[in-house]
């Protein structure tokens, strides 16, 4: 089972991060939602700050803007995901050179990847 972190997870059903959360769970992935105020999303315990994630992470899927991502870049590097997916609106190309080379960086839509078997 692959562990996925959703950075910018939401309880709102109309948010793409929420839709991705549902789809990931449906496909059998473990999901760790990161949200600064929620306690639980879709039955999963929420981590309020990325720095509190200690599991081995396959994919970090990003739904926060580049300015917010910049402020937690050190935490992203520390959790060492296998890959990072920057969803539309969350792209941060000015920071990609800061991410270690062994981490795959993708600009794509997690939902499209899931729905087309590219995830």
PDB file of N, CA and C in Angstrom:
ATOM      1  N   UNK A   1       0.850  -1.184   0.000  1.00  0.00           N
ATOM      2  CA  UNK A   1       0.000   0.000   0.000  1.00  0.00           C
ATOM      3  C   UNK A   1       0.891   1.241   0.000  1.00  0.00           C
ATOM      4  N   UNK A   2       0.665   2.117  -0.940  1.00  0.00           N
ATOM      5  CA  UNK A   2       1.443   3.348  -1.036  1.00  0.00           C
ATOM      6  C   UNK A   2       0.835   4.422  -0.143  1.00  0.00           C
ATOM      7  N   UNK A   3       1.709   5.201   0.486  1.00  0.00           N
ATOM      8  CA  UNK A   3       1.263   6.281   1.353  1.00  0.00           C
ATOM      9  C   UNK A   3       1.383   7.596   0.613  1.00  0.00           C
ATOM     10  N   UNK A   4       0.290   8.337   0.615  1.00  0.00           N
ATOM     11  CA  UNK A   4       0.188   9.602  -0.098  1.00  0.00           C
ATOM     12  C   UNK A   4      -0.152  10.715   0.874  1.00  0.00           C
ATOM     13  N   UNK A   5       0.552  11.818   0.757  1.00  0.00           N
ATOM     14  CA  UNK A   5       0.248  13.003   1.558  1.00  0.00           C
ATOM     15  C   UNK A   5      -0.453  14.003   0.656  1.00  0.00           C
ATOM     16  N   UNK A   6      -1.590  14.506   1.134  1.00  0.00           N
ATOM     17  CA  UNK A   6      -2.305  15.563   0.408  1.00  0.00           C
ATOM     18  C   UNK A   6      -2.057  16.862   1.161  1.00  0.00           C
ATOM     19  N   UNK A   7      -1.233  17.707   0.569  1.00  0.00           N
ATOM     20  CA  UNK A   7      -0.888  18.995   1.160  1.00  0.00           C
ATOM     21  C   UNK A   7      -1.913  20.017   0.688  1.00  0.00           C
ATOM     22  N   UNK A   8      -2.748  20.459   1.621  1.00  0.00           N
ATOM     23  CA  UNK A   8      -3.859  21.340   1.265  1.00  0.00           C
ATOM     24  C   UNK A   8      -5.163  20.555   1.214  1.00  0.00           C
ATOM     25  N   UNK A   9      -5.225  19.490   2.010  1.00  0.00           N
ATOM     26  CA  UNK A   9      -6.435  18.663   2.076  1.00  0.00           C
ATOM     27  C   UNK A   9      -7.611  19.508   2.554  1.00  0.00           C
ATOM     28  N   UNK A  10      -8.804  19.119   2.108  1.00  0.00           N
ATOM     29  CA  UNK A  10      -9.989  19.898   2.437  1.00  0.00           C
ATOM     30  C   UNK A  10     -11.177  18.996   2.758  1.00  0.00           C
ATOM     31  N   UNK A  11     -12.057  19.496   3.621  1.00  0.00           N
ATOM     32  CA  UNK A  11     -13.309  18.796   3.920  1.00  0.00           C
ATOM     33  C   UNK A  11     -14.389  19.145   2.902  1.00  0.00           C
ATOM     34  N   UNK A  12     -14.150  20.149   2.087  1.00  0.00           N
ATOM     35  CA  UNK A  12     -15.164  20.628   1.140  1.00  0.00           C
ATOM     36  C   UNK A  12     -15.221  19.719  -0.090  1.00  0.00           C
ATOM     37  N   UNK A  13     -16.386  19.133  -0.360  1.00  0.00           N
ATOM     38  CA  UNK A  13     -16.512  18.171  -1.459  1.00  0.00           C
ATOM     39  C   UNK A  13     -16.228  18.749  -2.850  1.00  0.00           C
ATOM     40  N   UNK A  14     -16.326  20.065  -3.006  1.00  0.00           N
ATOM     41  CA  UNK A  14     -16.078  20.666  -4.318  1.00  0.00           C
ATOM     42  C   UNK A  14     -14.599  20.976  -4.569  1.00  0.00           C
ATOM     43  N   UNK A  15     -13.737  20.694  -3.599  1.00  0.00           N
ATOM     44  CA  UNK A  15     -12.301  20.946  -3.753  1.00  0.00           C
ATOM     45  C   UNK A  15     -11.630  19.743  -4.412  1.00  0.00           C
ATOM     46  N   UNK A  16     -10.705  20.029  -5.313  1.00  0.00           N
ATOM     47  CA  UNK A  16     -10.017  18.945  -6.007  1.00  0.00           C
ATOM     48  C   UNK A  16      -9.215  18.075  -5.049  1.00  0.00           C
ATOM     49  N   UNK A  17      -8.675  18.665  -3.991  1.00  0.00           N
ATOM     50  CA  UNK A  17      -7.931  17.864  -3.016  1.00  0.00           C
ATOM     51  C   UNK A  17      -8.848  16.843  -2.349  1.00  0.00           C
ATOM     52  N   UNK A  18     -10.099  17.218  -2.096  1.00  0.00           N
ATOM     53  CA  UNK A  18     -11.061  16.301  -1.502  1.00  0.00           C
ATOM     54  C   UNK A  18     -11.411  15.184  -2.484  1.00  0.00           C
ATOM     55  N   UNK A  19     -11.598  15.548  -3.740  1.00  0.00           N
ATOM     56  CA  UNK A  19     -11.908  14.553  -4.772  1.00  0.00           C
ATOM     57  C   UNK A  19     -10.752  13.565  -4.943  1.00  0.00           C
ATOM     58  N   UNK A  20      -9.528  14.074  -4.903  1.00  0.00           N
ATOM     59  CA  UNK A  20      -8.354  13.209  -5.024  1.00  0.00           C
ATOM     60  C   UNK A  20      -8.260  12.285  -3.819  1.00  0.00           C
ATOM     61  N   UNK A  21      -8.562  12.793  -2.650  1.00  0.00           N
ATOM     62  CA  UNK A  21      -8.550  12.000  -1.418  1.00  0.00           C
ATOM     63  C   UNK A  21      -9.511  10.812  -1.555  1.00  0.00           C
ATOM     64  N   UNK A  22     -10.719  11.097  -1.997  1.00  0.00           N
ATOM     65  CA  UNK A  22     -11.719  10.044  -2.192  1.00  0.00           C
ATOM     66  C   UNK A  22     -11.227   9.008  -3.191  1.00  0.00           C
ATOM     67  N   UNK A  23     -10.708   9.456  -4.305  1.00  0.00           N
ATOM     68  CA  UNK A  23     -10.242   8.545  -5.371  1.00  0.00           C
ATOM     69  C   UNK A  23      -9.056   7.704  -4.902  1.00  0.00           C
ATOM     70  N   UNK A  24      -8.112   8.313  -4.209  1.00  0.00           N
ATOM     71  CA  UNK A  24      -6.966   7.566  -3.691  1.00  0.00           C
ATOM     72  C   UNK A  24      -7.415   6.449  -2.746  1.00  0.00           C
ATOM     73  N   UNK A  25      -8.324   6.782  -1.841  1.00  0.00           N
ATOM     74  CA  UNK A  25      -8.822   5.779  -0.898  1.00  0.00           C
ATOM     75  C   UNK A  25      -9.556   4.655  -1.627  1.00  0.00           C
ATOM     76  N   UNK A  26     -10.341   5.036  -2.617  1.00  0.00           N
ATOM     77  CA  UNK A  26     -11.104   4.051  -3.388  1.00  0.00           C
ATOM     78  C   UNK A  26     -10.164   3.062  -4.083  1.00  0.00           C
ATOM     79  N   UNK A  27      -8.985   3.539  -4.471  1.00  0.00           N
ATOM     80  CA  UNK A  27      -8.006   2.694  -5.148  1.00  0.00           C
ATOM     81  C   UNK A  27      -7.087   1.960  -4.168  1.00  0.00           C
ATOM     82  N   UNK A  28      -7.337   2.122  -2.862  1.00  0.00           N
ATOM     83  CA  UNK A  28      -6.591   1.377  -1.861  1.00  0.00           C
ATOM     84  C   UNK A  28      -5.324   2.029  -1.344  1.00  0.00           C
ATOM     85  N   UNK A  29      -5.125   3.300  -1.651  1.00  0.00           N
ATOM     86  CA  UNK A  29      -3.945   4.003  -1.159  1.00  0.00           C
ATOM     87  C   UNK A  29      -4.181   4.510   0.262  1.00  0.00           C
ATOM     88  N   UNK A  30      -3.122   4.560   1.045  1.00  0.00           N
ATOM     89  CA  UNK A  30      -3.190   5.194   2.361  1.00  0.00           C
ATOM     90  C   UNK A  30      -3.028   6.694   2.139  1.00  0.00           C
ATOM     91  N   UNK A  31      -3.853   7.499   2.811  1.00  0.00           N
ATOM     92  CA  UNK A  31      -3.831   8.950   2.641  1.00  0.00           C
ATOM     93  C   UNK A  31      -3.568   9.625   3.976  1.00  0.00           C
ATOM     94  N   UNK A  32      -2.627  10.558   3.954  1.00  0.00           N
ATOM     95  CA  UNK A  32      -2.376  11.415   5.108  1.00  0.00           C
ATOM     96  C   UNK A  32      -2.736  12.837   4.681  1.00  0.00           C
ATOM     97  N   UNK A  33      -3.897  13.338   5.131  1.00  0.00           N
ATOM     98  CA  UNK A  33      -4.267  14.711   4.788  1.00  0.00           C
ATOM     99  C   UNK A  33      -3.535  15.714   5.684  1.00  0.00           C
ATOM    100  N   UNK A  34      -3.068  16.797   5.082  1.00  0.00           N
ATOM    101  CA  UNK A  34      -2.418  17.872   5.840  1.00  0.00           C
ATOM    102  C   UNK A  34      -3.281  19.122   5.698  1.00  0.00           C
ATOM    103  N   UNK A  35      -3.735  19.625   6.839  1.00  0.00           N
ATOM    104  CA  UNK A  35      -4.595  20.797   6.890  1.00  0.00           C
ATOM    105  C   UNK A  35      -4.356  21.458   8.244  1.00  0.00           C
ATOM    106  N   UNK A  36      -4.175  22.779   8.281  1.00  0.00           N
ATOM    107  CA  UNK A  36      -3.816  23.442   9.542  1.00  0.00           C
ATOM    108  C   UNK A  36      -4.888  23.465  10.623  1.00  0.00           C
ATOM    109  N   UNK A  37      -6.149  23.192  10.284  1.00  0.00           N
ATOM    110  CA  UNK A  37      -7.196  23.321  11.309  1.00  0.00           C
ATOM    111  C   UNK A  37      -8.073  22.083  11.511  1.00  0.00           C
ATOM    112  N   UNK A  38      -8.201  21.255  10.524  1.00  0.00           N
ATOM    113  CA  UNK A  38      -9.094  20.097  10.634  1.00  0.00           C
ATOM    114  C   UNK A  38      -8.464  19.009  11.498  1.00  0.00           C
ATOM    115  N   UNK A  39      -9.317  18.135  12.038  1.00  0.00           N
ATOM    116  CA  UNK A  39      -8.854  16.998  12.843  1.00  0.00           C
ATOM    117  C   UNK A  39      -9.011  15.684  12.079  1.00  0.00           C
ATOM    118  N   UNK A  40     -10.024  15.630  11.198  1.00  0.00           N
ATOM    119  CA  UNK A  40     -10.300  14.426  10.429  1.00  0.00           C
ATOM    120  C   UNK A  40     -10.912  14.816   9.090  1.00  0.00           C
ATOM    121  N   UNK A  41     -10.493  14.128   8.045  1.00  0.00           N
ATOM    122  CA  UNK A  41     -11.083  14.333   6.717  1.00  0.00           C
ATOM    123  C   UNK A  41     -11.319  12.962   6.111  1.00  0.00           C
ATOM    124  N   UNK A  42     -12.559  12.708   5.741  1.00  0.00           N
ATOM    125  CA  UNK A  42     -12.955  11.454   5.099  1.00  0.00           C
ATOM    126  C   UNK A  42     -12.498  10.228   5.883  1.00  0.00           C
ATOM    127  N   UNK A  43     -12.574  10.336   7.218  1.00  0.00           N
ATOM    128  CA  UNK A  43     -12.224   9.223   8.082  1.00  0.00           C
ATOM    129  C   UNK A  43     -10.738   9.080   8.373  1.00  0.00           C
ATOM    130  N   UNK A  44      -9.906   9.951   7.808  1.00  0.00           N
ATOM    131  CA  UNK A  44      -8.469   9.901   8.048  1.00  0.00           C
ATOM    132  C   UNK A  44      -8.057  11.002   9.016  1.00  0.00           C
ATOM    133  N   UNK A  45      -7.204  10.652   9.964  1.00  0.00           N
ATOM    134  CA  UNK A  45      -6.680  11.640  10.907  1.00  0.00           C
ATOM    135  C   UNK A  45      -5.840  12.655  10.139  1.00  0.00           C
ATOM    136  N   UNK A  46      -6.037  13.906  10.441  1.00  0.00           N
ATOM    137  CA  UNK A  46      -5.335  15.003   9.773  1.00  0.00           C
ATOM    138  C   UNK A  46      -4.052  15.326  10.526  1.00  0.00           C
ATOM    139  N   UNK A  47      -3.013  15.588   9.769  1.00  0.00           N
ATOM    140  CA  UNK A  47      -1.772  16.119  10.307  1.00  0.00           C
ATOM    141  C   UNK A  47      -1.832  17.620  10.055  1.00  0.00           C
ATOM    142  N   UNK A  48      -1.664  18.417  11.106  1.00  0.00           N
ATOM    143  CA  UNK A  48      -1.840  19.859  10.944  1.00  0.00           C
ATOM    144  C   UNK A  48      -0.662  20.560  10.284  1.00  0.00           C
ATOM    145  N   UNK A  49       0.536  19.969  10.377  1.00  0.00           N
ATOM    146  CA  UNK A  49       1.712  20.552   9.737  1.00  0.00           C
ATOM    147  C   UNK A  49       2.532  19.442   9.088  1.00  0.00           C
ATOM    148  N   UNK A  50       3.062  19.717   7.924  1.00  0.00           N
ATOM    149  CA  UNK A  50       3.841  18.730   7.193  1.00  0.00           C
ATOM    150  C   UNK A  50       5.024  18.227   8.018  1.00  0.00           C
ATOM    151  N   UNK A  51       5.574  19.072   8.858  1.00  0.00           N
ATOM    152  CA  UNK A  51       6.735  18.669   9.664  1.00  0.00           C
ATOM    153  C   UNK A  51       6.404  17.533  10.621  1.00  0.00           C
ATOM    154  N   UNK A  52       5.117  17.261  10.844  1.00  0.00           N
ATOM    155  CA  UNK A  52       4.703  16.191  11.745  1.00  0.00           C
ATOM    156  C   UNK A  52       4.483  14.853  11.043  1.00  0.00           C
ATOM    157  N   UNK A  53       4.766  14.788   9.747  1.00  0.00           N
ATOM    158  CA  UNK A  53       4.659  13.529   9.001  1.00  0.00           C
ATOM    159  C   UNK A  53       5.976  12.780   9.165  1.00  0.00           C
ATOM    160  N   UNK A  54       5.878  11.509   9.615  1.00  0.00           N
ATOM    161  CA  UNK A  54       7.090  10.714   9.834  1.00  0.00           C
ATOM    162  C   UNK A  54       7.077   9.403   9.058  1.00  0.00           C
ATOM    163  N   UNK A  55       5.991   9.108   8.343  1.00  0.00           N
ATOM    164  CA  UNK A  55       5.893   7.871   7.590  1.00  0.00           C
ATOM    165  C   UNK A  55       6.741   7.936   6.319  1.00  0.00           C
ATOM    166  N   UNK A  56       6.978   6.780   5.714  1.00  0.00           N
ATOM    167  CA  UNK A  56       7.647   6.697   4.421  1.00  0.00           C
ATOM    168  C   UNK A  56       6.619   7.105   3.369  1.00  0.00           C
ATOM    169  N   UNK A  57       6.905   8.156   2.612  1.00  0.00           N
ATOM    170  CA  UNK A  57       5.927   8.741   1.684  1.00  0.00           C
ATOM    171  C   UNK A  57       6.267   8.411   0.244  1.00  0.00           C
ATOM    172  N   UNK A  58       5.286   7.863  -0.455  1.00  0.00           N
ATOM    173  CA  UNK A  58       5.453   7.612  -1.878  1.00  0.00           C
ATOM    174  C   UNK A  58       5.227   8.907  -2.663  1.00  0.00           C
ATOM    175  N   UNK A  59       4.060   9.534  -2.443  1.00  0.00           N
ATOM    176  CA  UNK A  59       3.693  10.716  -3.219  1.00  0.00           C
ATOM    177  C   UNK A  59       3.193  11.839  -2.325  1.00  0.00           C
ATOM    178  N   UNK A  60       3.700  13.027  -2.581  1.00  0.00           N
ATOM    179  CA  UNK A  60       3.191  14.250  -1.978  1.00  0.00           C
ATOM    180  C   UNK A  60       2.450  14.970  -3.088  1.00  0.00           C
ATOM    181  N   UNK A  61       1.145  15.127  -2.933  1.00  0.00           N
ATOM    182  CA  UNK A  61       0.369  15.847  -3.947  1.00  0.00           C
ATOM    183  C   UNK A  61       0.000  17.215  -3.378  1.00  0.00           C
ATOM    184  N   UNK A  62       0.363  18.257  -4.098  1.00  0.00           N
ATOM    185  CA  UNK A  62       0.337  19.625  -3.588  1.00  0.00           C
ATOM    186  C   UNK A  62      -0.860  20.406  -4.125  1.00  0.00           C
ATOM    187  N   UNK A  63      -1.623  20.978  -3.190  1.00  0.00           N
ATOM    188  CA  UNK A  63      -2.772  21.823  -3.517  1.00  0.00           C
ATOM    189  C   UNK A  63      -2.676  23.183  -2.833  1.00  0.00           C
ATOM    190  N   UNK A  64      -1.474  23.615  -2.487  1.00  0.00           N
ATOM    191  CA  UNK A  64      -1.291  24.941  -1.901  1.00  0.00           C
ATOM    192  C   UNK A  64      -0.474  25.786  -2.868  1.00  0.00           C
ATOM    193  N   UNK A  65      -0.568  27.097  -2.745  1.00  0.00           N
ATOM    194  CA  UNK A  65       0.155  27.963  -3.681  1.00  0.00           C
ATOM    195  C   UNK A  65       1.657  28.000  -3.391  1.00  0.00           C
ATOM    196  N   UNK A  66       2.394  28.516  -4.344  1.00  0.00           N
ATOM    197  CA  UNK A  66       3.860  28.528  -4.265  1.00  0.00           C
ATOM    198  C   UNK A  66       4.379  29.284  -3.045  1.00  0.00           C
ATOM    199  N   UNK A  67       3.716  30.364  -2.665  1.00  0.00           N
ATOM    200  CA  UNK A  67       4.171  31.139  -1.507  1.00  0.00           C
ATOM    201  C   UNK A  67       4.105  30.304  -0.234  1.00  0.00           C
ATOM    202  N   UNK A  68       3.015  29.575  -0.048  1.00  0.00           N
ATOM    203  CA  UNK A  68       2.890  28.703   1.130  1.00  0.00           C
ATOM    204  C   UNK A  68       3.865  27.535   1.045  1.00  0.00           C
ATOM    205  N   UNK A  69       4.065  27.006  -0.153  1.00  0.00           N
ATOM    206  CA  UNK A  69       4.989  25.891  -0.331  1.00  0.00           C
ATOM    207  C   UNK A  69       6.415  26.312   0.028  1.00  0.00           C
ATOM    208  N   UNK A  70       6.790  27.523  -0.364  1.00  0.00           N
ATOM    209  CA  UNK A  70       8.122  28.038  -0.057  1.00  0.00           C
ATOM    210  C   UNK A  70       8.397  27.988   1.438  1.00  0.00           C
ATOM    211  N   UNK A  71       7.403  28.328   2.232  1.00  0.00           N
ATOM    212  CA  UNK A  71       7.598  28.393   3.681  1.00  0.00           C
ATOM    213  C   UNK A  71       7.784  27.021   4.332  1.00  0.00           C
ATOM    214  N   UNK A  72       7.440  25.945   3.632  1.00  0.00           N
ATOM    215  CA  UNK A  72       7.592  24.609   4.211  1.00  0.00           C
ATOM    216  C   UNK A  72       8.535  23.722   3.395  1.00  0.00           C
ATOM    217  N   UNK A  73       9.311  24.325   2.514  1.00  0.00           N
ATOM    218  CA  UNK A  73      10.208  23.561   1.654  1.00  0.00           C
ATOM    219  C   UNK A  73      11.145  22.653   2.453  1.00  0.00           C
ATOM    220  N   UNK A  74      11.669  23.126   3.564  1.00  0.00           N
ATOM    221  CA  UNK A  74      12.554  22.289   4.384  1.00  0.00           C
ATOM    222  C   UNK A  74      11.832  21.041   4.892  1.00  0.00           C
ATOM    223  N   UNK A  75      10.547  21.189   5.234  1.00  0.00           N
ATOM    224  CA  UNK A  75       9.769  20.034   5.692  1.00  0.00           C
ATOM    225  C   UNK A  75       9.536  19.051   4.550  1.00  0.00           C
ATOM    226  N   UNK A  76       9.318  19.569   3.359  1.00  0.00           N
ATOM    227  CA  UNK A  76       9.140  18.713   2.181  1.00  0.00           C
ATOM    228  C   UNK A  76      10.405  17.895   1.954  1.00  0.00           C
ATOM    229  N   UNK A  77      11.533  18.539   2.015  1.00  0.00           N
ATOM    230  CA  UNK A  77      12.810  17.848   1.812  1.00  0.00           C
ATOM    231  C   UNK A  77      13.028  16.798   2.907  1.00  0.00           C
ATOM    232  N   UNK A  78      12.668  17.115   4.145  1.00  0.00           N
ATOM    233  CA  UNK A  78      12.850  16.184   5.254  1.00  0.00           C
ATOM    234  C   UNK A  78      12.002  14.928   5.104  1.00  0.00           C
ATOM    235  N   UNK A  79      10.752  15.047   4.641  1.00  0.00           N
ATOM    236  CA  UNK A  79       9.907  13.847   4.527  1.00  0.00           C
ATOM    237  C   UNK A  79      10.310  12.985   3.329  1.00  0.00           C
ATOM    238  N   UNK A  80      11.083  13.542   2.410  1.00  0.00           N
ATOM    239  CA  UNK A  80      11.679  12.796   1.298  1.00  0.00           C
ATOM    240  C   UNK A  80      10.690  11.910   0.539  1.00  0.00           C
ATOM    241  N   UNK A  81       9.663  12.514  -0.053  1.00  0.00           N
ATOM    242  CA  UNK A  81       8.747  11.684  -0.840  1.00  0.00           C
ATOM    243  C   UNK A  81       9.446  11.162  -2.096  1.00  0.00           C
ATOM    244  N   UNK A  82       8.928  10.062  -2.640  1.00  0.00           N
ATOM    245  CA  UNK A  82       9.473   9.538  -3.888  1.00  0.00           C
ATOM    246  C   UNK A  82       9.177  10.500  -5.041  1.00  0.00           C
ATOM    247  N   UNK A  83       7.994  11.123  -4.981  1.00  0.00           N
ATOM    248  CA  UNK A  83       7.633  12.105  -6.004  1.00  0.00           C
ATOM    249  C   UNK A  83       6.715  13.165  -5.418  1.00  0.00           C
ATOM    250  N   UNK A  84       6.701  14.303  -6.125  1.00  0.00           N
ATOM    251  CA  UNK A  84       5.828  15.412  -5.759  1.00  0.00           C
ATOM    252  C   UNK A  84       5.017  15.773  -6.995  1.00  0.00           C
ATOM    253  N   UNK A  85       3.706  15.832  -6.822  1.00  0.00           N
ATOM    254  CA  UNK A  85       2.824  16.265  -7.907  1.00  0.00           C
ATOM    255  C   UNK A  85       2.325  17.662  -7.570  1.00  0.00           C
ATOM    256  N   UNK A  86       2.668  18.617  -8.423  1.00  0.00           N
ATOM    257  CA  UNK A  86       2.170  19.985  -8.287  1.00  0.00           C
ATOM    258  C   UNK A  86       0.940  20.108  -9.163  1.00  0.00           C
ATOM    259  N   UNK A  87      -0.216  20.200  -8.521  1.00  0.00           N
ATOM    260  CA  UNK A  87      -1.478  20.297  -9.241  1.00  0.00           C
ATOM    261  C   UNK A  87      -1.648  21.694  -9.831  1.00  0.00           C
ATOM    262  N   UNK A  88      -2.533  21.850 -10.839  1.00  0.00           N
ATOM    263  CA  UNK A  88      -2.745  23.167 -11.437  1.00  0.00           C
ATOM    264  C   UNK A  88      -3.050  24.233 -10.377  1.00  0.00           C
ATOM    265  N   UNK A  89      -2.332  25.323 -10.457  1.00  0.00           N
ATOM    266  CA  UNK A  89      -2.473  26.408  -9.498  1.00  0.00           C
ATOM    267  C   UNK A  89      -1.490  26.315  -8.341  1.00  0.00           C
ATOM    268  N   UNK A  90      -0.817  25.177  -8.220  1.00  0.00           N
ATOM    269  CA  UNK A  90       0.151  24.976  -7.136  1.00  0.00           C
ATOM    270  C   UNK A  90       1.579  24.903  -7.659  1.00  0.00           C
ATOM    271  N   UNK A  91       1.762  25.080  -8.939  1.00  0.00           N
ATOM    272  CA  UNK A  91       3.097  24.974  -9.533  1.00  0.00           C
ATOM    273  C   UNK A  91       4.051  25.960  -8.856  1.00  0.00           C
ATOM    274  N   UNK A  92       5.320  25.517  -8.723  1.00  0.00           N
ATOM    275  CA  UNK A  92       6.331  26.362  -8.087  1.00  0.00           C
ATOM    276  C   UNK A  92       7.677  26.135  -8.776  1.00  0.00           C
ATOM    277  N   UNK A  93       7.758  26.392 -10.096  1.00  0.00           N
ATOM    278  CA  UNK A  93       8.988  26.075 -10.835  1.00  0.00           C
ATOM    279  C   UNK A  93      10.229  26.771 -10.301  1.00  0.00           C
ATOM    280  N   UNK A  94      10.058  27.906  -9.655  1.00  0.00           N
ATOM    281  CA  UNK A  94      11.195  28.630  -9.093  1.00  0.00           C
ATOM    282  C   UNK A  94      11.833  27.875  -7.920  1.00  0.00           C
ATOM    283  N   UNK A  95      11.146  26.848  -7.418  1.00  0.00           N
ATOM    284  CA  UNK A  95      11.656  26.079  -6.279  1.00  0.00           C
ATOM    285  C   UNK A  95      12.140  24.684  -6.645  1.00  0.00           C
ATOM    286  N   UNK A  96      11.874  24.238  -7.851  1.00  0.00           N
ATOM    287  CA  UNK A  96      12.179  22.850  -8.214  1.00  0.00           C
ATOM    288  C   UNK A  96      13.659  22.522  -8.058  1.00  0.00           C
ATOM    289  N   UNK A  97      14.530  23.506  -8.296  1.00  0.00           N
ATOM    290  CA  UNK A  97      15.962  23.247  -8.159  1.00  0.00           C
ATOM    291  C   UNK A  97      16.363  22.994  -6.699  1.00  0.00           C
ATOM    292  N   UNK A  98      15.503  23.356  -5.763  1.00  0.00           N
ATOM    293  CA  UNK A  98      15.766  23.142  -4.333  1.00  0.00           C
ATOM    294  C   UNK A  98      15.420  21.711  -3.891  1.00  0.00           C
ATOM    295  N   UNK A  99      14.634  21.023  -4.701  1.00  0.00           N
ATOM    296  CA  UNK A  99      14.185  19.678  -4.362  1.00  0.00           C
ATOM    297  C   UNK A  99      15.260  18.683  -4.800  1.00  0.00           C
ATOM    298  N   UNK A 100      15.632  17.745  -3.934  1.00  0.00           N
ATOM    299  CA  UNK A 100      16.688  16.782  -4.289  1.00  0.00           C
ATOM    300  C   UNK A 100      16.396  16.062  -5.605  1.00  0.00           C
ATOM    301  N   UNK A 101      17.458  15.775  -6.351  1.00  0.00           N
ATOM    302  CA  UNK A 101      17.329  15.168  -7.680  1.00  0.00           C
ATOM    303  C   UNK A 101      16.627  13.821  -7.674  1.00  0.00           C
ATOM    304  N   UNK A 102      16.738  13.060  -6.579  1.00  0.00           N
ATOM    305  CA  UNK A 102      16.119  11.732  -6.541  1.00  0.00           C
ATOM    306  C   UNK A 102      14.593  11.797  -6.390  1.00  0.00           C
ATOM    307  N   UNK A 103      14.053  12.976  -6.121  1.00  0.00           N
ATOM    308  CA  UNK A 103      12.607  13.152  -5.999  1.00  0.00           C
ATOM    309  C   UNK A 103      12.052  13.525  -7.369  1.00  0.00           C
ATOM    310  N   UNK A 104      11.103  12.732  -7.855  1.00  0.00           N
ATOM    311  CA  UNK A 104      10.464  13.028  -9.138  1.00  0.00           C
ATOM    312  C   UNK A 104       9.501  14.199  -8.942  1.00  0.00           C
ATOM    313  N   UNK A 105       9.634  15.232  -9.762  1.00  0.00           N
ATOM    314  CA  UNK A 105       8.769  16.409  -9.689  1.00  0.00           C
ATOM    315  C   UNK A 105       7.898  16.426 -10.942  1.00  0.00           C
ATOM    316  N   UNK A 106       6.589  16.486 -10.718  1.00  0.00           N
ATOM    317  CA  UNK A 106       5.631  16.438 -11.822  1.00  0.00           C
ATOM    318  C   UNK A 106       4.663  17.607 -11.700  1.00  0.00           C
ATOM    319  N   UNK A 107       4.412  18.297 -12.791  1.00  0.00           N
ATOM    320  CA  UNK A 107       3.316  19.272 -12.857  1.00  0.00           C
ATOM    321  C   UNK A 107       2.183  18.570 -13.588  1.00  0.00           C
ATOM    322  N   UNK A 108       1.152  18.226 -12.845  1.00  0.00           N
ATOM    323  CA  UNK A 108       0.032  17.480 -13.430  1.00  0.00           C
ATOM    324  C   UNK A 108      -1.157  17.550 -12.476  1.00  0.00           C
ATOM    325  N   UNK A 109      -2.260  17.043 -12.933  1.00  0.00           N
ATOM    326  CA  UNK A 109      -3.462  16.963 -12.106  1.00  0.00           C
ATOM    327  C   UNK A 109      -3.557  15.550 -11.549  1.00  0.00           C
ATOM    328  N   UNK A 110      -3.539  15.448 -10.237  1.00  0.00           N
ATOM    329  CA  UNK A 110      -3.629  14.144  -9.589  1.00  0.00           C
ATOM    330  C   UNK A 110      -4.882  13.396 -10.036  1.00  0.00           C
ATOM    331  N   UNK A 111      -5.999  14.093 -10.118  1.00  0.00           N
ATOM    332  CA  UNK A 111      -7.245  13.446 -10.532  1.00  0.00           C
ATOM    333  C   UNK A 111      -7.147  12.868 -11.934  1.00  0.00           C
ATOM    334  N   UNK A 112      -6.584  13.618 -12.857  1.00  0.00           N
ATOM    335  CA  UNK A 112      -6.423  13.117 -14.223  1.00  0.00           C
ATOM    336  C   UNK A 112      -5.498  11.906 -14.219  1.00  0.00           C
ATOM    337  N   UNK A 113      -4.401  11.993 -13.482  1.00  0.00           N
ATOM    338  CA  UNK A 113      -3.473  10.853 -13.401  1.00  0.00           C
ATOM    339  C   UNK A 113      -4.176   9.610 -12.845  1.00  0.00           C
ATOM    340  N   UNK A 114      -4.955   9.793 -11.809  1.00  0.00           N
ATOM    341  CA  UNK A 114      -5.691   8.659 -11.217  1.00  0.00           C
ATOM    342  C   UNK A 114      -6.708   8.077 -12.185  1.00  0.00           C
ATOM    343  N   UNK A 115      -7.413   8.953 -12.884  1.00  0.00           N
ATOM    344  CA  UNK A 115      -8.485   8.500 -13.775  1.00  0.00           C
ATOM    345  C   UNK A 115      -7.989   7.921 -15.089  1.00  0.00           C
ATOM    346  N   UNK A 116      -6.719   8.130 -15.403  1.00  0.00           N
ATOM    347  CA  UNK A 116      -6.177   7.615 -16.662  1.00  0.00           C
ATOM    348  C   UNK A 116      -5.124   6.532 -16.442  1.00  0.00           C
ATOM    349  N   UNK A 117      -4.974   6.080 -15.200  1.00  0.00           N
ATOM    350  CA  UNK A 117      -4.039   5.014 -14.893  1.00  0.00           C
ATOM    351  C   UNK A 117      -2.570   5.436 -14.927  1.00  0.00           C
ATOM    352  N   UNK A 118      -2.293   6.738 -14.859  1.00  0.00           N
ATOM    353  CA  UNK A 118      -0.920   7.240 -14.887  1.00  0.00           C
ATOM    354  C   UNK A 118      -0.340   7.485 -13.505  1.00  0.00           C
ATOM    355  N   UNK A 119      -1.145   7.238 -12.475  1.00  0.00           N
ATOM    356  CA  UNK A 119      -0.715   7.529 -11.108  1.00  0.00           C
ATOM    357  C   UNK A 119       0.272   6.479 -10.635  1.00  0.00           C
TER     358      UNK A 119
END
